[in-house]
Structure formats: C-alpha cells, structure tokens
Amino acid sequence: MPQVKANAIQLEYDTFGRASDAPLLLIMGLGAQMVLWDEEFCELLAQRGHYVIRFDNRDVGLSTKFDHKGVPNVVAMMQPGADRSAAPYTLDDMADDAAGLLAALGIESAHIVGASMGGMIAQTVAYRHAKRTRSLVSIMSSTGNPALPQAKPEAMAVLMRPRPLDRASNVEASVEAAKVIGSPGYPADEARVRQRAGMMFDRAFTPLGTVRHMAAIYAHGNRAPRLAAVTAPTLVIHGAADPLVPVEGGRDTAKSIPGAQLLEIEGMGHDLPPGLWTRLADAIAAHAKKAEAARK
C-alpha cells in the first residue's frame, strides 16, 4: 500500500474504485488500523459510485508513530477538571492529517465518514476544513459532552484493559472484546474475528499509540458547541445497543449539528458487522448522492 507525506507525517493509505468518482474518505477509530474498514465494505461503497480512500491514522498501523512523545497518564486525564495539556496531540491534529491526506492526493473535497473516534475526527474535519467536506457521516460516535451517559462498565473494562503482547493471547482478547461490545443483533463469527485479529497483529501492533489516541480524545473536550459551525449535510448513524458509546452520543451529535439526520439501528453495537454492510453502504451512498445534487 502507498504512503504520502501529509501534515508533516507519513500516512499509509489505500483506495478502491475509480478516481473519477466522488471521493469518500473513511476514518477509523481508537487504535484501529484502516483494514478494520473491510475490503468488501469498501468495495460496496465503490460500487455505489465512490472513489474510496481508507488510511491509517497517526500512531497506528503503518503511519508515523509518536513513541518519542512518551505515554500520557490517561487515567488522570479522565478525571473531571484534569490538566490535559500533556496530550501529545489532539483530534485537531488528527483532523488536519485527514485534510492533509486529501490535499496530498490532489483531492479538493470529499465525503467524510468516520467510525467511533474516527467519527470524532470526521466531525472535526467538518468544522476545521469545511471546504474539504462535501458531506459528513458520523458512525457510533459522540460529541465529547461530559453530561452524556458513559460506557457500560464491562465495555469500559475492555477499552482500558492492557492488550496482551503475545499474538495468541492478543487474538483471544479480541474475540472476548467482540462479545462484549459487538452487535447483539448481528453476532460476530468467532473464526472471522480471530483471523482478522491475527492479521492486524501481524501487520502492526501499536498499543502505546492507542493510549495516545485516548489522550487525544480527552484533550479535545466537548465538541458540541463547535459542531454548531458544521455546514456540510450530516448523517449520524448509531447502534441502539452500543455499550461503549451509548446511543445518546449519536443523538447529541445529531442535535448539535444544524440539519443533521439520525439513523438508529436496532441490534447494532459498537462494531460494523457484515450483516449491516449493505444497509450502511446504502445509507452512506444515498446521503452522499443527496449532498452531491445539492452542490450542483
């Protein structure tokens, strides 16, 4: 897969579809490599008329790592009123990475789609780089509003638990995590989860990058007031059964962005199960098509 220099770092990326089609940028979440946007899902979006771009965020996968920045005390940063200035970077920097990637690829603007922390980054792109944002889709994400319901204890435990350093234990931990935060209406295939977890471990294992990602989220604070400046047509998608980012996070996102539409999906947790790929691709493509028509 190729790399480009963007926002003074190297970003690993991949594309699907025809470069002449409407560009659509996919942004993945906390500690997650771009390959978590499954190739088959990317192809579904490409078949619906998009030039699909996925990439590794900074500090994950094959993009630039920030190990020289040290490891912030995320537990301390989670406390109300904590000093969060020690975060090596924030979601603003990660949004600038995404915009920089588009610039490096010669793409003036794109439909921006983000999942989980990627949704937070996508939201930030929409108000920091409005001219590069044709439309916004925020999936299973939130605004950072501290008044919202928090993750269920068992889901937070999965998030905070240190990742095993050996491959076999790491893969089994991924299987257990999928059982806790996955979609109850679309149960995960354990064999598939195990295979993909092994593939991602082999590709790049960057647990300290995940810690710095968490610091970036807490350092960014409450985006709700800033989201009022978003002018791009926005679709918010959220699972009604999400135990990690409760559905209220999606509702607050939709409420905070003028004119945003909200799609709540029964049985969907905090993942992108294959059983929902067609529905998700249809919703994203229909939203983008409507935004394209409004631009003409």
C-alpha atoms as a PDB file:
ATOM      1  CA  MET A   1       0.000   0.000   0.000  1.00  0.00           C
ATOM      2  CA  PRO A   2       1.274   3.538  -0.726  1.00  0.00           C
ATOM      3  CA  GLN A   3       2.233   6.325   1.640  1.00  0.00           C
ATOM      4  CA  VAL A   4       2.165  10.108   1.323  1.00  0.00           C
ATOM      5  CA  LYS A   5       3.522  12.944   3.427  1.00  0.00           C
ATOM      6  CA  ALA A   6       0.652  14.919   4.933  1.00  0.00           C
ATOM      7  CA  ASN A   7       0.651  17.411   7.805  1.00  0.00           C
ATOM      8  CA  ALA A   8       4.402  16.746   8.221  1.00  0.00           C
ATOM      9  CA  ILE A   9       3.973  12.986   8.825  1.00  0.00           C
ATOM     10  CA  GLN A  10       3.721   9.822   6.716  1.00  0.00           C
ATOM     11  CA  LEU A  11       0.269   8.318   6.234  1.00  0.00           C
ATOM     12  CA  GLU A  12      -0.381   4.841   4.862  1.00  0.00           C
ATOM     13  CA  TYR A  13      -3.470   4.702   2.650  1.00  0.00           C
ATOM     14  CA  ASP A  14      -5.362   2.549   0.194  1.00  0.00           C
ATOM     15  CA  THR A  15      -8.038   3.233  -2.443  1.00  0.00           C
ATOM     16  CA  PHE A  16     -10.952   1.460  -4.095  1.00  0.00           C
ATOM     17  CA  GLY A  17     -12.932   2.360  -7.200  1.00  0.00           C
ATOM     18  CA  ARG A  18     -12.367   4.899  -9.961  1.00  0.00           C
ATOM     19  CA  ALA A  19     -10.524   8.143  -9.269  1.00  0.00           C
ATOM     20  CA  SER A  20     -13.122   9.930 -11.418  1.00  0.00           C
ATOM     21  CA  ASP A  21     -15.913   9.050  -8.976  1.00  0.00           C
ATOM     22  CA  ALA A  22     -16.946  11.161  -5.965  1.00  0.00           C
ATOM     23  CA  PRO A  23     -14.208  10.813  -3.310  1.00  0.00           C
ATOM     24  CA  LEU A  24     -15.147   9.324   0.046  1.00  0.00           C
ATOM     25  CA  LEU A  25     -12.684   9.299   2.943  1.00  0.00           C
ATOM     26  CA  LEU A  26     -13.028   6.636   5.657  1.00  0.00           C
ATOM     27  CA  ILE A  27     -11.571   7.393   9.110  1.00  0.00           C
ATOM     28  CA  MET A  28     -11.216   4.561  11.616  1.00  0.00           C
ATOM     29  CA  GLY A  29     -11.321   4.751  15.406  1.00  0.00           C
ATOM     30  CA  LEU A  30      -9.291   4.297  18.566  1.00  0.00           C
ATOM     31  CA  GLY A  31      -6.138   2.273  17.959  1.00  0.00           C
ATOM     32  CA  ALA A  32      -7.777   0.774  14.876  1.00  0.00           C
ATOM     33  CA  GLN A  33      -5.977   0.188  11.608  1.00  0.00           C
ATOM     34  CA  MET A  34      -7.536   1.130   8.293  1.00  0.00           C
ATOM     35  CA  VAL A  35      -8.028  -2.561   7.480  1.00  0.00           C
ATOM     36  CA  LEU A  36     -10.865  -2.578  10.012  1.00  0.00           C
ATOM     37  CA  TRP A  37     -12.756  -0.948   7.124  1.00  0.00           C
ATOM     38  CA  ASP A  38     -13.183  -4.344   5.488  1.00  0.00           C
ATOM     39  CA  GLU A  39     -12.248  -4.569   1.802  1.00  0.00           C
ATOM     40  CA  GLU A  40     -15.676  -5.948   0.930  1.00  0.00           C
ATOM     41  CA  PHE A  41     -17.375  -2.982   2.617  1.00  0.00           C
ATOM     42  CA  CYS A  42     -15.074  -0.568   0.767  1.00  0.00           C
ATOM     43  CA  GLU A  43     -15.950  -2.298  -2.496  1.00  0.00           C
ATOM     44  CA  LEU A  44     -19.670  -1.899  -1.736  1.00  0.00           C
ATOM     45  CA  LEU A  45     -19.135   1.856  -1.425  1.00  0.00           C
ATOM     46  CA  ALA A  46     -17.059   1.906  -4.622  1.00  0.00           C
ATOM     47  CA  GLN A  47     -19.828   0.054  -6.466  1.00  0.00           C
ATOM     48  CA  ARG A  48     -22.185   2.841  -5.417  1.00  0.00           C
ATOM     49  CA  GLY A  49     -20.141   5.438  -7.267  1.00  0.00           C
ATOM     50  CA  HIS A  50     -17.341   6.411  -4.904  1.00  0.00           C
ATOM     51  CA  TYR A  51     -13.580   6.649  -5.010  1.00  0.00           C
ATOM     52  CA  VAL A  52     -12.984   5.230  -1.540  1.00  0.00           C
ATOM     53  CA  ILE A  53      -9.900   6.159   0.481  1.00  0.00           C
ATOM     54  CA  ARG A  54      -9.013   4.498   3.773  1.00  0.00           C
ATOM     55  CA  PHE A  55      -5.878   5.259   5.788  1.00  0.00           C
ATOM     56  CA  ASP A  56      -4.029   4.540   8.994  1.00  0.00           C
ATOM     57  CA  ASN A  57      -4.358   7.375  11.488  1.00  0.00           C
ATOM     58  CA  ARG A  58      -1.149   8.633  13.039  1.00  0.00           C
ATOM     59  CA  ASP A  59       0.272   6.334  15.722  1.00  0.00           C
ATOM     60  CA  VAL A  60      -1.391   3.206  14.349  1.00  0.00           C
ATOM     61  CA  GLY A  61      -0.847   0.727  11.546  1.00  0.00           C
ATOM     62  CA  LEU A  62       1.907   1.738   9.147  1.00  0.00           C
ATOM     63  CA  SER A  63       1.632   5.516   9.562  1.00  0.00           C
ATOM     64  CA  THR A  64       4.061   7.646  11.591  1.00  0.00           C
ATOM     65  CA  LYS A  65       4.376   6.681  15.268  1.00  0.00           C
ATOM     66  CA  PHE A  66       4.782   9.126  18.144  1.00  0.00           C
ATOM     67  CA  ASP A  67       6.695   6.964  20.604  1.00  0.00           C
ATOM     68  CA  HIS A  68       9.121   9.859  21.127  1.00  0.00           C
ATOM     69  CA  LYS A  69       6.247  11.763  22.755  1.00  0.00           C
ATOM     70  CA  GLY A  70       6.027   9.311  25.647  1.00  0.00           C
ATOM     71  CA  VAL A  71       2.954   7.771  27.257  1.00  0.00           C
ATOM     72  CA  PRO A  72       0.444  10.149  28.872  1.00  0.00           C
ATOM     73  CA  ASN A  73      -1.405   9.284  32.082  1.00  0.00           C
ATOM     74  CA  VAL A  74      -4.826   8.740  30.555  1.00  0.00           C
ATOM     75  CA  VAL A  75      -6.436   7.649  33.832  1.00  0.00           C
ATOM     76  CA  ALA A  76      -5.518  11.025  35.335  1.00  0.00           C
ATOM     77  CA  MET A  77      -6.748  12.838  32.216  1.00  0.00           C
ATOM     78  CA  MET A  78     -10.140  11.151  32.534  1.00  0.00           C
ATOM     79  CA  GLN A  79     -10.841  12.874  35.845  1.00  0.00           C
ATOM     80  CA  PRO A  80     -13.117  15.963  35.786  1.00  0.00           C
ATOM     81  CA  GLY A  81     -11.130  19.186  35.692  1.00  0.00           C
ATOM     82  CA  ALA A  82      -7.860  17.371  34.956  1.00  0.00           C
ATOM     83  CA  ASP A  83      -4.974  19.098  33.208  1.00  0.00           C
ATOM     84  CA  ARG A  84      -4.939  17.571  29.740  1.00  0.00           C
ATOM     85  CA  SER A  85      -2.247  19.732  28.209  1.00  0.00           C
ATOM     86  CA  ALA A  86       0.234  16.844  28.301  1.00  0.00           C
ATOM     87  CA  ALA A  87      -1.529  15.044  25.441  1.00  0.00           C
ATOM     88  CA  PRO A  88       0.999  14.569  22.616  1.00  0.00           C
ATOM     89  CA  TYR A  89      -1.656  15.694  20.111  1.00  0.00           C
ATOM     90  CA  THR A  90      -5.411  16.178  19.901  1.00  0.00           C
ATOM     91  CA  LEU A  91      -8.194  15.354  17.466  1.00  0.00           C
ATOM     92  CA  ASP A  92      -7.489  18.710  15.796  1.00  0.00           C
ATOM     93  CA  ASP A  93      -4.116  17.345  14.681  1.00  0.00           C
ATOM     94  CA  MET A  94      -5.693  14.110  13.503  1.00  0.00           C
ATOM     95  CA  ALA A  95      -8.327  16.036  11.537  1.00  0.00           C
ATOM     96  CA  ASP A  96      -5.540  18.060   9.951  1.00  0.00           C
ATOM     97  CA  ASP A  97      -3.877  14.766   8.989  1.00  0.00           C
ATOM     98  CA  ALA A  98      -7.044  13.706   7.154  1.00  0.00           C
ATOM     99  CA  ALA A  99      -7.337  17.033   5.349  1.00  0.00           C
ATOM    100  CA  GLY A 100      -3.634  16.881   4.546  1.00  0.00           C
ATOM    101  CA  LEU A 101      -4.074  13.425   3.019  1.00  0.00           C
ATOM    102  CA  LEU A 102      -6.763  14.749   0.675  1.00  0.00           C
ATOM    103  CA  ALA A 103      -4.505  17.642  -0.300  1.00  0.00           C
ATOM    104  CA  ALA A 104      -1.565  15.304  -0.916  1.00  0.00           C
ATOM    105  CA  LEU A 105      -3.757  13.177  -3.187  1.00  0.00           C
ATOM    106  CA  GLY A 106      -4.898  16.239  -5.119  1.00  0.00           C
ATOM    107  CA  ILE A 107      -8.488  15.917  -3.896  1.00  0.00           C
ATOM    108  CA  GLU A 108     -10.170  19.245  -3.273  1.00  0.00           C
ATOM    109  CA  SER A 109     -13.057  17.853  -1.214  1.00  0.00           C
ATOM    110  CA  ALA A 110     -14.593  14.530  -0.210  1.00  0.00           C
ATOM    111  CA  HIS A 111     -17.422  12.906   1.650  1.00  0.00           C
ATOM    112  CA  ILE A 112     -16.037  12.319   5.149  1.00  0.00           C
ATOM    113  CA  VAL A 113     -17.079   9.170   7.029  1.00  0.00           C
ATOM    114  CA  GLY A 114     -15.780   8.271  10.476  1.00  0.00           C
ATOM    115  CA  ALA A 115     -16.465   5.479  12.964  1.00  0.00           C
ATOM    116  CA  SER A 116     -16.115   5.796  16.762  1.00  0.00           C
ATOM    117  CA  MET A 117     -13.064   8.017  17.390  1.00  0.00           C
ATOM    118  CA  GLY A 118     -12.950   8.305  13.615  1.00  0.00           C
ATOM    119  CA  GLY A 119     -16.385   9.914  13.835  1.00  0.00           C
ATOM    120  CA  MET A 120     -14.960  12.462  16.258  1.00  0.00           C
ATOM    121  CA  ILE A 121     -12.141  13.171  13.814  1.00  0.00           C
ATOM    122  CA  ALA A 122     -14.615  13.418  10.927  1.00  0.00           C
ATOM    123  CA  GLN A 123     -16.727  15.899  12.910  1.00  0.00           C
ATOM    124  CA  THR A 124     -13.598  17.956  13.499  1.00  0.00           C
ATOM    125  CA  VAL A 125     -12.676  17.880   9.813  1.00  0.00           C
ATOM    126  CA  ALA A 126     -16.149  19.205   9.029  1.00  0.00           C
ATOM    127  CA  TYR A 127     -15.692  22.410  11.029  1.00  0.00           C
ATOM    128  CA  ARG A 128     -11.928  22.874  10.704  1.00  0.00           C
ATOM    129  CA  HIS A 129     -11.845  22.101   6.976  1.00  0.00           C
ATOM    130  CA  ALA A 130     -15.332  22.946   5.754  1.00  0.00           C
ATOM    131  CA  LYS A 131     -14.238  23.465   2.142  1.00  0.00           C
ATOM    132  CA  ARG A 132     -12.863  19.919   2.016  1.00  0.00           C
ATOM    133  CA  THR A 133     -16.083  18.402   3.393  1.00  0.00           C
ATOM    134  CA  ARG A 134     -18.812  17.566   0.874  1.00  0.00           C
ATOM    135  CA  SER A 135     -20.825  15.699   3.483  1.00  0.00           C
ATOM    136  CA  LEU A 136     -20.293  14.151   6.905  1.00  0.00           C
ATOM    137  CA  VAL A 137     -21.266  10.733   8.245  1.00  0.00           C
ATOM    138  CA  SER A 138     -20.569  10.113  11.936  1.00  0.00           C
ATOM    139  CA  ILE A 139     -20.968   6.461  12.955  1.00  0.00           C
ATOM    140  CA  MET A 140     -21.183   5.145  16.570  1.00  0.00           C
ATOM    141  CA  SER A 141     -19.515   8.323  17.815  1.00  0.00           C
ATOM    142  CA  SER A 142     -20.220  11.203  20.181  1.00  0.00           C
ATOM    143  CA  THR A 143     -19.597  14.871  20.923  1.00  0.00           C
ATOM    144  CA  GLY A 144     -17.396  14.558  23.999  1.00  0.00           C
ATOM    145  CA  ASN A 145     -20.168  16.118  26.092  1.00  0.00           C
ATOM    146  CA  PRO A 146     -19.343  15.048  29.686  1.00  0.00           C
ATOM    147  CA  ALA A 147     -23.035  15.135  30.648  1.00  0.00           C
ATOM    148  CA  LEU A 148     -23.851  12.187  28.392  1.00  0.00           C
ATOM    149  CA  PRO A 149     -24.222   8.608  29.687  1.00  0.00           C
ATOM    150  CA  GLN A 150     -20.908   6.806  29.905  1.00  0.00           C
ATOM    151  CA  ALA A 151     -19.899   3.380  28.618  1.00  0.00           C
ATOM    152  CA  LYS A 152     -21.200   0.326  30.424  1.00  0.00           C
ATOM    153  CA  PRO A 153     -18.632  -0.918  32.991  1.00  0.00           C
ATOM    154  CA  GLU A 154     -17.925  -4.118  31.094  1.00  0.00           C
ATOM    155  CA  ALA A 155     -17.360  -2.164  27.858  1.00  0.00           C
ATOM    156  CA  MET A 156     -15.084   0.352  29.586  1.00  0.00           C
ATOM    157  CA  ALA A 157     -13.132  -2.552  31.068  1.00  0.00           C
ATOM    158  CA  VAL A 158     -12.484  -3.844  27.538  1.00  0.00           C
ATOM    159  CA  LEU A 159     -11.296  -0.396  26.479  1.00  0.00           C
ATOM    160  CA  MET A 160      -8.951   0.097  29.426  1.00  0.00           C
ATOM    161  CA  ARG A 161      -7.548  -3.429  29.679  1.00  0.00           C
ATOM    162  CA  PRO A 162      -3.897  -3.623  28.506  1.00  0.00           C
ATOM    163  CA  ARG A 163      -3.540  -5.583  25.294  1.00  0.00           C
ATOM    164  CA  PRO A 164      -1.606  -8.869  25.603  1.00  0.00           C
ATOM    165  CA  LEU A 165       1.809  -8.669  23.994  1.00  0.00           C
ATOM    166  CA  ASP A 166       1.882 -12.159  22.507  1.00  0.00           C
ATOM    167  CA  ARG A 167      -0.056 -12.966  19.355  1.00  0.00           C
ATOM    168  CA  ALA A 168      -2.187 -15.849  20.625  1.00  0.00           C
ATOM    169  CA  SER A 169      -3.372 -14.023  23.761  1.00  0.00           C
ATOM    170  CA  ASN A 170      -3.969 -10.836  21.779  1.00  0.00           C
ATOM    171  CA  VAL A 171      -6.188 -12.671  19.315  1.00  0.00           C
ATOM    172  CA  GLU A 172      -8.228 -14.276  22.105  1.00  0.00           C
ATOM    173  CA  ALA A 173      -8.614 -10.882  23.789  1.00  0.00           C
ATOM    174  CA  SER A 174     -10.061  -9.556  20.528  1.00  0.00           C
ATOM    175  CA  VAL A 175     -12.570 -12.388  20.450  1.00  0.00           C
ATOM    176  CA  GLU A 176     -13.661 -11.650  24.029  1.00  0.00           C
ATOM    177  CA  ALA A 177     -13.885  -7.910  23.278  1.00  0.00           C
ATOM    178  CA  ALA A 178     -16.130  -8.591  20.293  1.00  0.00           C
ATOM    179  CA  LYS A 179     -18.520 -10.489  22.552  1.00  0.00           C
ATOM    180  CA  VAL A 180     -18.767  -7.517  24.928  1.00  0.00           C
ATOM    181  CA  ILE A 181     -19.011  -4.531  22.573  1.00  0.00           C
ATOM    182  CA  GLY A 182     -20.264  -6.174  19.376  1.00  0.00           C
ATOM    183  CA  SER A 183     -23.765  -6.140  17.936  1.00  0.00           C
ATOM    184  CA  PRO A 184     -26.200  -8.450  19.779  1.00  0.00           C
ATOM    185  CA  GLY A 185     -28.468  -8.471  16.738  1.00  0.00           C
ATOM    186  CA  TYR A 186     -25.597  -9.459  14.456  1.00  0.00           C
ATOM    187  CA  PRO A 187     -23.360 -11.830  16.453  1.00  0.00           C
ATOM    188  CA  ALA A 188     -19.740 -11.971  15.358  1.00  0.00           C
ATOM    189  CA  ASP A 189     -18.311 -15.042  13.645  1.00  0.00           C
ATOM    190  CA  GLU A 190     -15.537 -16.054  16.058  1.00  0.00           C
ATOM    191  CA  ALA A 191     -13.427 -17.608  13.332  1.00  0.00           C
ATOM    192  CA  ARG A 192     -13.579 -14.400  11.328  1.00  0.00           C
ATOM    193  CA  VAL A 193     -12.767 -12.234  14.359  1.00  0.00           C
ATOM    194  CA  ARG A 194      -9.827 -14.489  15.200  1.00  0.00           C
ATOM    195  CA  GLN A 195      -8.481 -14.428  11.629  1.00  0.00           C
ATOM    196  CA  ARG A 196      -8.733 -10.650  11.314  1.00  0.00           C
ATOM    197  CA  ALA A 197      -7.230 -10.051  14.755  1.00  0.00           C
ATOM    198  CA  GLY A 198      -4.233 -12.161  13.802  1.00  0.00           C
ATOM    199  CA  MET A 199      -3.871 -10.314  10.512  1.00  0.00           C
ATOM    200  CA  MET A 200      -3.900  -6.940  12.267  1.00  0.00           C
ATOM    201  CA  PHE A 201      -1.435  -8.088  14.935  1.00  0.00           C
ATOM    202  CA  ASP A 202       0.938  -9.229  12.204  1.00  0.00           C
ATOM    203  CA  ARG A 203       0.515  -6.009  10.250  1.00  0.00           C
ATOM    204  CA  ALA A 204       1.253  -3.642  13.135  1.00  0.00           C
ATOM    205  CA  PHE A 205       0.865  -3.909  16.911  1.00  0.00           C
ATOM    206  CA  THR A 206       0.960  -0.423  18.477  1.00  0.00           C
ATOM    207  CA  PRO A 207      -0.589  -0.459  21.968  1.00  0.00           C
ATOM    208  CA  LEU A 208       1.111   2.783  23.053  1.00  0.00           C
ATOM    209  CA  GLY A 209      -0.421   4.553  20.078  1.00  0.00           C
ATOM    210  CA  THR A 210      -3.833   3.556  21.391  1.00  0.00           C
ATOM    211  CA  VAL A 211      -3.032   5.217  24.724  1.00  0.00           C
ATOM    212  CA  ARG A 212      -2.048   8.418  22.940  1.00  0.00           C
ATOM    213  CA  HIS A 213      -5.270   8.233  20.900  1.00  0.00           C
ATOM    214  CA  MET A 214      -7.237   8.117  24.154  1.00  0.00           C
ATOM    215  CA  ALA A 215      -5.340  11.144  25.415  1.00  0.00           C
ATOM    216  CA  ALA A 216      -6.203  12.965  22.183  1.00  0.00           C
ATOM    217  CA  ILE A 217      -9.910  12.330  22.790  1.00  0.00           C
ATOM    218  CA  TYR A 218      -9.888  13.603  26.368  1.00  0.00           C
ATOM    219  CA  ALA A 219      -7.716  16.607  25.479  1.00  0.00           C
ATOM    220  CA  HIS A 220     -10.216  17.627  22.800  1.00  0.00           C
ATOM    221  CA  GLY A 221     -13.044  18.091  25.266  1.00  0.00           C
ATOM    222  CA  ASN A 222     -16.656  18.827  24.397  1.00  0.00           C
ATOM    223  CA  ARG A 223     -17.155  19.410  20.654  1.00  0.00           C
ATOM    224  CA  ALA A 224     -20.900  20.112  20.887  1.00  0.00           C
ATOM    225  CA  PRO A 225     -20.553  23.939  20.813  1.00  0.00           C
ATOM    226  CA  ARG A 226     -18.103  23.748  17.886  1.00  0.00           C
ATOM    227  CA  LEU A 227     -20.360  21.418  15.910  1.00  0.00           C
ATOM    228  CA  ALA A 228     -22.867  24.237  15.500  1.00  0.00           C
ATOM    229  CA  ALA A 229     -20.481  25.596  12.843  1.00  0.00           C
ATOM    230  CA  VAL A 230     -20.752  22.484  10.644  1.00  0.00           C
ATOM    231  CA  THR A 231     -22.399  23.364   7.336  1.00  0.00           C
ATOM    232  CA  ALA A 232     -21.943  20.057   5.491  1.00  0.00           C
ATOM    233  CA  PRO A 233     -25.003  17.808   5.131  1.00  0.00           C
ATOM    234  CA  THR A 234     -24.692  15.366   8.009  1.00  0.00           C
ATOM    235  CA  LEU A 235     -25.907  11.854   8.720  1.00  0.00           C
ATOM    236  CA  VAL A 236     -25.414  10.335  12.167  1.00  0.00           C
ATOM    237  CA  ILE A 237     -25.602   6.531  12.415  1.00  0.00           C
ATOM    238  CA  HIS A 238     -25.692   4.806  15.783  1.00  0.00           C
ATOM    239  CA  GLY A 239     -26.477   1.399  17.155  1.00  0.00           C
ATOM    240  CA  ALA A 240     -29.316   1.293  19.657  1.00  0.00           C
ATOM    241  CA  ALA A 241     -27.428  -1.459  21.540  1.00  0.00           C
ATOM    242  CA  ASP A 242     -24.000   0.219  21.682  1.00  0.00           C
ATOM    243  CA  PRO A 243     -22.491  -0.467  25.141  1.00  0.00           C
ATOM    244  CA  LEU A 244     -19.266   1.522  24.591  1.00  0.00           C
ATOM    245  CA  VAL A 245     -20.643   4.766  23.148  1.00  0.00           C
ATOM    246  CA  PRO A 246     -24.299   4.785  24.205  1.00  0.00           C
ATOM    247  CA  VAL A 247     -26.856   5.887  21.634  1.00  0.00           C
ATOM    248  CA  GLU A 248     -27.262   9.205  23.458  1.00  0.00           C
ATOM    249  CA  GLY A 249     -23.864  10.137  21.991  1.00  0.00           C
ATOM    250  CA  GLY A 250     -25.248   9.831  18.488  1.00  0.00           C
ATOM    251  CA  ARG A 251     -28.376  11.743  19.434  1.00  0.00           C
ATOM    252  CA  ASP A 252     -26.286  14.563  20.900  1.00  0.00           C
ATOM    253  CA  THR A 253     -24.181  14.671  17.739  1.00  0.00           C
ATOM    254  CA  ALA A 254     -27.273  14.999  15.555  1.00  0.00           C
ATOM    255  CA  LYS A 255     -28.749  17.632  17.861  1.00  0.00           C
ATOM    256  CA  SER A 256     -25.532  19.666  17.818  1.00  0.00           C
ATOM    257  CA  ILE A 257     -25.137  19.828  14.018  1.00  0.00           C
ATOM    258  CA  PRO A 258     -27.670  22.001  12.174  1.00  0.00           C
ATOM    259  CA  GLY A 259     -29.961  19.934   9.965  1.00  0.00           C
ATOM    260  CA  ALA A 260     -28.314  16.598  10.793  1.00  0.00           C
ATOM    261  CA  GLN A 261     -30.281  13.403  10.277  1.00  0.00           C
ATOM    262  CA  LEU A 262     -30.126  10.487  12.721  1.00  0.00           C
ATOM    263  CA  LEU A 263     -30.335   6.817  11.831  1.00  0.00           C
ATOM    264  CA  GLU A 264     -30.591   4.490  14.842  1.00  0.00           C
ATOM    265  CA  ILE A 265     -30.143   0.800  14.084  1.00  0.00           C
ATOM    266  CA  GLU A 266     -31.692  -1.815  16.361  1.00  0.00           C
ATOM    267  CA  GLY A 267     -29.378  -4.639  17.345  1.00  0.00           C
ATOM    268  CA  MET A 268     -26.217  -2.755  16.375  1.00  0.00           C
ATOM    269  CA  GLY A 269     -23.484  -2.427  18.991  1.00  0.00           C
ATOM    270  CA  HIS A 270     -20.032  -0.907  18.706  1.00  0.00           C
ATOM    271  CA  ASP A 271     -18.845  -2.559  15.523  1.00  0.00           C
ATOM    272  CA  LEU A 272     -19.569  -2.781  11.803  1.00  0.00           C
ATOM    273  CA  PRO A 273     -20.988  -6.309  11.411  1.00  0.00           C
ATOM    274  CA  PRO A 274     -21.113  -7.850   7.918  1.00  0.00           C
ATOM    275  CA  GLY A 275     -24.854  -8.275   8.278  1.00  0.00           C
ATOM    276  CA  LEU A 276     -25.215  -4.480   8.189  1.00  0.00           C
ATOM    277  CA  TRP A 277     -22.728  -3.657   5.436  1.00  0.00           C
ATOM    278  CA  THR A 278     -25.309  -3.344   2.666  1.00  0.00           C
ATOM    279  CA  ARG A 279     -27.601  -1.207   4.789  1.00  0.00           C
ATOM    280  CA  LEU A 280     -24.741   1.023   5.889  1.00  0.00           C
ATOM    281  CA  ALA A 281     -23.337   1.362   2.366  1.00  0.00           C
ATOM    282  CA  ASP A 282     -26.794   2.225   1.032  1.00  0.00           C
ATOM    283  CA  ALA A 283     -27.327   4.872   3.718  1.00  0.00           C
ATOM    284  CA  ILE A 284     -23.897   6.445   3.205  1.00  0.00           C
ATOM    285  CA  ALA A 285     -24.212   6.442  -0.597  1.00  0.00           C
ATOM    286  CA  ALA A 286     -27.739   7.886  -0.545  1.00  0.00           C
ATOM    287  CA  HIS A 287     -26.616  10.643   1.802  1.00  0.00           C
ATOM    288  CA  ALA A 288     -23.602  11.450  -0.383  1.00  0.00           C
ATOM    289  CA  LYS A 289     -25.743  11.425  -3.543  1.00  0.00           C
ATOM    290  CA  LYS A 290     -28.150  13.915  -1.996  1.00  0.00           C
ATOM    291  CA  ALA A 291     -25.228  16.136  -0.976  1.00  0.00           C
ATOM    292  CA  GLU A 292     -23.741  15.918  -4.489  1.00  0.00           C
ATOM    293  CA  ALA A 293     -27.049  17.006  -6.003  1.00  0.00           C
ATOM    294  CA  ALA A 294     -27.204  19.986  -3.646  1.00  0.00           C
ATOM    295  CA  ARG A 295     -23.718  21.111  -4.737  1.00  0.00           C
ATOM    296  CA  LYS A 296     -24.771  21.419  -8.406  1.00  0.00           C
END
